[in-house]
Amino acid sequence: MRTKLSICLKKARYPSEHHAMLAAQAASIALRHYRCDRCQQFHLTSRTKGKWTAGLRG
């Protein structure tokens, strides 16, 4: 699914996967990073529906 441009513009952008991972670890809630198909940088999201997360295999 393609990221909406309006969502991309509202989110913080991280220039590398490493920077996004550090920001996600520092957050008070569980977040994951992803590469945006609009800006090619990284954003954070709390959504996990349909995504595999470490330690939560079914």
Protein backbone atom coordinates (compact mmCIF):
# COMPACT_ATOMS: atom_id res chain seq x y z
CA MET A 1 0.00 0.00 0.00
CA ARG A 2 1.36 3.41 -0.94
CA THR A 3 1.82 6.06 1.75
CA LYS A 4 -0.49 9.05 1.32
CA LEU A 5 1.43 12.25 0.59
CA SER A 6 -0.49 14.12 3.32
CA ILE A 7 0.64 11.52 5.89
CA CYS A 8 4.25 11.62 4.69
CA LEU A 9 4.38 15.40 5.05
CA LYS A 10 3.09 15.28 8.64
CA LYS A 11 5.53 12.66 9.92
CA ALA A 12 9.07 13.11 11.16
CA ARG A 13 11.65 11.97 8.62
CA TYR A 14 14.83 10.06 9.44
CA PRO A 15 17.66 9.98 6.89
CA SER A 16 18.72 6.42 7.72
CA GLU A 17 17.30 3.22 9.10
CA HIS A 18 19.70 3.51 12.03
CA HIS A 19 18.37 6.95 13.04
CA ALA A 20 14.78 5.71 12.80
CA MET A 21 15.56 2.65 14.93
CA LEU A 22 17.13 4.83 17.63
CA ALA A 23 14.08 7.10 17.68
CA ALA A 24 11.73 4.10 17.90
CA GLN A 25 13.69 2.65 20.83
CA ALA A 26 13.57 5.98 22.68
CA ALA A 27 9.78 6.29 22.35
CA SER A 28 7.44 5.56 25.23
CA ILE A 29 5.27 3.29 23.02
CA ALA A 30 6.12 0.40 20.70
CA LEU A 31 7.02 1.75 17.26
CA ARG A 32 8.50 0.28 14.11
CA HIS A 33 10.28 2.03 11.28
CA TYR A 34 9.62 1.78 7.55
CA ARG A 35 10.97 3.32 4.37
CA CYS A 36 8.49 5.72 2.83
CA ASP A 37 7.70 5.14 -0.83
CA ARG A 38 7.06 8.88 -1.26
CA CYS A 39 10.17 10.56 0.20
CA GLN A 40 12.50 7.51 0.36
CA GLN A 41 13.38 8.36 3.97
CA PHE A 42 12.24 6.54 7.10
CA HIS A 43 9.16 7.18 9.25
CA LEU A 44 7.84 5.56 12.43
CA THR A 45 4.48 3.90 12.94
CA SER A 46 2.68 2.14 15.76
CA ARG A 47 0.62 0.05 13.34
CA THR A 48 1.48 -3.63 13.22
CA LYS A 49 -1.56 -5.14 11.46
CA GLY A 50 -0.30 -7.52 8.79
CA LYS A 51 3.32 -6.99 9.75
CA TRP A 52 5.67 -9.55 11.27
CA THR A 53 7.27 -8.30 14.48
CA ALA A 54 10.16 -9.97 16.30
CA GLY A 55 9.00 -12.29 19.05
CA LEU A 56 5.37 -12.35 17.95
CA ARG A 57 5.24 -15.25 15.54
CA GLY A 58 1.94 -17.08 15.37
